[in-house]
Amino acid sequence: MQIFKSTEVAKRFGAIAQIVQTEPVCVESHGRPQMVMLSPAEYERLRRQDRRVYATNELPASLRAAIAAARPSAQAAKFNREA
């Protein structure tokens, strides 16, 4: 993902809008990420995926693999002591 300063996005909006058609773009302000720009097609794909519900026996192989590979965050360790 390419990163652009907000001032650069304002100056080069047309060119950056073309980049967004092929990959998300991060917009920074004062050195911190403020937003991610993405194409309408990618936005719709994410919306559809967000609303998709699977029974456990229907999970696509890619999601099963992602779940199997997932590891808990360091913050989740505090739950290991629960009784």
C-alpha atoms as a PDB file:
ATOM      1  CA  MET A   1       0.000   0.000   0.000  1.00  0.00           C
ATOM      2  CA  GLN A   2       1.368   3.361  -0.988  1.00  0.00           C
ATOM      3  CA  ILE A   3       1.333   6.189   1.554  1.00  0.00           C
ATOM      4  CA  PHE A   4       0.730   9.835   0.674  1.00  0.00           C
ATOM      5  CA  LYS A   5       0.564  13.008   2.744  1.00  0.00           C
ATOM      6  CA  SER A   6      -2.827  14.707   2.727  1.00  0.00           C
ATOM      7  CA  THR A   7      -1.348  17.782   1.051  1.00  0.00           C
ATOM      8  CA  GLU A   8      -0.011  15.604  -1.763  1.00  0.00           C
ATOM      9  CA  VAL A   9      -3.412  13.946  -2.192  1.00  0.00           C
ATOM     10  CA  ALA A  10      -4.994  17.389  -2.534  1.00  0.00           C
ATOM     11  CA  LYS A  11      -2.463  18.405  -5.197  1.00  0.00           C
ATOM     12  CA  ARG A  12      -2.402  15.096  -7.118  1.00  0.00           C
ATOM     13  CA  PHE A  13      -5.923  13.807  -6.577  1.00  0.00           C
ATOM     14  CA  GLY A  14      -6.439  12.627 -10.163  1.00  0.00           C
ATOM     15  CA  ALA A  15      -3.208  10.629 -10.274  1.00  0.00           C
ATOM     16  CA  ILE A  16      -3.780   9.127  -6.831  1.00  0.00           C
ATOM     17  CA  ALA A  17      -7.372   8.261  -7.767  1.00  0.00           C
ATOM     18  CA  GLN A  18      -5.906   6.155 -10.576  1.00  0.00           C
ATOM     19  CA  ILE A  19      -3.624   4.330  -8.128  1.00  0.00           C
ATOM     20  CA  VAL A  20      -6.626   3.613  -5.897  1.00  0.00           C
ATOM     21  CA  GLN A  21      -8.193   1.638  -8.754  1.00  0.00           C
ATOM     22  CA  THR A  22      -5.458  -1.004  -8.378  1.00  0.00           C
ATOM     23  CA  GLU A  23      -4.497  -0.821  -4.697  1.00  0.00           C
ATOM     24  CA  PRO A  24      -5.543   0.914  -1.468  1.00  0.00           C
ATOM     25  CA  VAL A  25      -3.774   4.166  -0.592  1.00  0.00           C
ATOM     26  CA  CYS A  26      -3.046   5.360   2.947  1.00  0.00           C
ATOM     27  CA  VAL A  27      -3.399   9.106   3.569  1.00  0.00           C
ATOM     28  CA  GLU A  28      -1.287  10.582   6.363  1.00  0.00           C
ATOM     29  CA  SER A  29      -1.608  13.876   8.175  1.00  0.00           C
ATOM     30  CA  HIS A  30       1.113  15.059  10.540  1.00  0.00           C
ATOM     31  CA  GLY A  31       2.879  11.711  10.094  1.00  0.00           C
ATOM     32  CA  ARG A  32      -0.092   9.622  11.234  1.00  0.00           C
ATOM     33  CA  PRO A  33      -2.489   7.557   9.119  1.00  0.00           C
ATOM     34  CA  GLN A  34      -5.838   9.325   8.781  1.00  0.00           C
ATOM     35  CA  MET A  35      -7.655   7.209   6.202  1.00  0.00           C
ATOM     36  CA  VAL A  36      -7.344   4.550   3.566  1.00  0.00           C
ATOM     37  CA  MET A  37      -8.706   5.229   0.106  1.00  0.00           C
ATOM     38  CA  LEU A  38      -9.921   2.283  -1.941  1.00  0.00           C
ATOM     39  CA  SER A  39     -11.811   1.691  -5.161  1.00  0.00           C
ATOM     40  CA  PRO A  40     -15.593   1.357  -5.190  1.00  0.00           C
ATOM     41  CA  ALA A  41     -15.181  -2.252  -6.353  1.00  0.00           C
ATOM     42  CA  GLU A  42     -12.926  -3.105  -3.409  1.00  0.00           C
ATOM     43  CA  TYR A  43     -15.273  -1.329  -1.000  1.00  0.00           C
ATOM     44  CA  GLU A  44     -18.228  -3.369  -2.271  1.00  0.00           C
ATOM     45  CA  ARG A  45     -16.197  -6.585  -2.069  1.00  0.00           C
ATOM     46  CA  LEU A  46     -15.390  -5.842   1.569  1.00  0.00           C
ATOM     47  CA  ARG A  47     -19.024  -4.985   2.335  1.00  0.00           C
ATOM     48  CA  ARG A  48     -20.216  -8.261   0.833  1.00  0.00           C
ATOM     49  CA  GLN A  49     -17.562 -10.227   2.716  1.00  0.00           C
ATOM     50  CA  ASP A  50     -18.459  -8.477   5.967  1.00  0.00           C
ATOM     51  CA  ARG A  51     -22.069  -9.548   5.590  1.00  0.00           C
ATOM     52  CA  ARG A  52     -21.315 -13.106   4.545  1.00  0.00           C
ATOM     53  CA  VAL A  53     -22.304 -15.740   7.097  1.00  0.00           C
ATOM     54  CA  TYR A  54     -20.997 -19.293   6.974  1.00  0.00           C
ATOM     55  CA  ALA A  55     -21.921 -22.466   8.786  1.00  0.00           C
ATOM     56  CA  THR A  56     -18.706 -24.061  10.032  1.00  0.00           C
ATOM     57  CA  ASN A  57     -18.966 -26.829   7.458  1.00  0.00           C
ATOM     58  CA  GLU A  58     -19.292 -24.232   4.655  1.00  0.00           C
ATOM     59  CA  LEU A  59     -16.162 -22.203   5.393  1.00  0.00           C
ATOM     60  CA  PRO A  60     -13.994 -21.688   2.320  1.00  0.00           C
ATOM     61  CA  ALA A  61     -10.562 -23.304   2.540  1.00  0.00           C
ATOM     62  CA  SER A  62      -8.901 -19.872   2.637  1.00  0.00           C
ATOM     63  CA  LEU A  63     -10.852 -18.895   5.776  1.00  0.00           C
ATOM     64  CA  ARG A  64     -10.216 -22.262   7.437  1.00  0.00           C
ATOM     65  CA  ALA A  65      -6.487 -21.809   6.789  1.00  0.00           C
ATOM     66  CA  ALA A  66      -6.552 -18.246   8.149  1.00  0.00           C
ATOM     67  CA  ILE A  67      -8.300 -19.397  11.320  1.00  0.00           C
ATOM     68  CA  ALA A  68      -5.873 -22.287  11.782  1.00  0.00           C
ATOM     69  CA  ALA A  69      -2.889 -19.956  11.355  1.00  0.00           C
ATOM     70  CA  ALA A  70      -4.238 -17.223  13.652  1.00  0.00           C
ATOM     71  CA  ARG A  71      -2.461 -16.686  16.944  1.00  0.00           C
ATOM     72  CA  PRO A  72      -3.817 -14.750  19.926  1.00  0.00           C
ATOM     73  CA  SER A  73      -2.506 -11.276  20.575  1.00  0.00           C
ATOM     74  CA  ALA A  74      -0.364 -10.490  23.594  1.00  0.00           C
ATOM     75  CA  GLN A  75      -3.411  -8.769  25.116  1.00  0.00           C
ATOM     76  CA  ALA A  76      -5.359 -12.036  24.966  1.00  0.00           C
ATOM     77  CA  ALA A  77      -2.867 -13.716  27.324  1.00  0.00           C
ATOM     78  CA  LYS A  78      -4.644 -12.191  30.339  1.00  0.00           C
ATOM     79  CA  PHE A  79      -7.595 -14.497  29.651  1.00  0.00           C
ATOM     80  CA  ASN A  80      -5.445 -17.629  30.089  1.00  0.00           C
ATOM     81  CA  ARG A  81      -5.828 -17.388  33.875  1.00  0.00           C
ATOM     82  CA  GLU A  82      -9.622 -17.380  33.921  1.00  0.00           C
ATOM     83  CA  ALA A  83     -11.270 -20.213  35.776  1.00  0.00           C
END
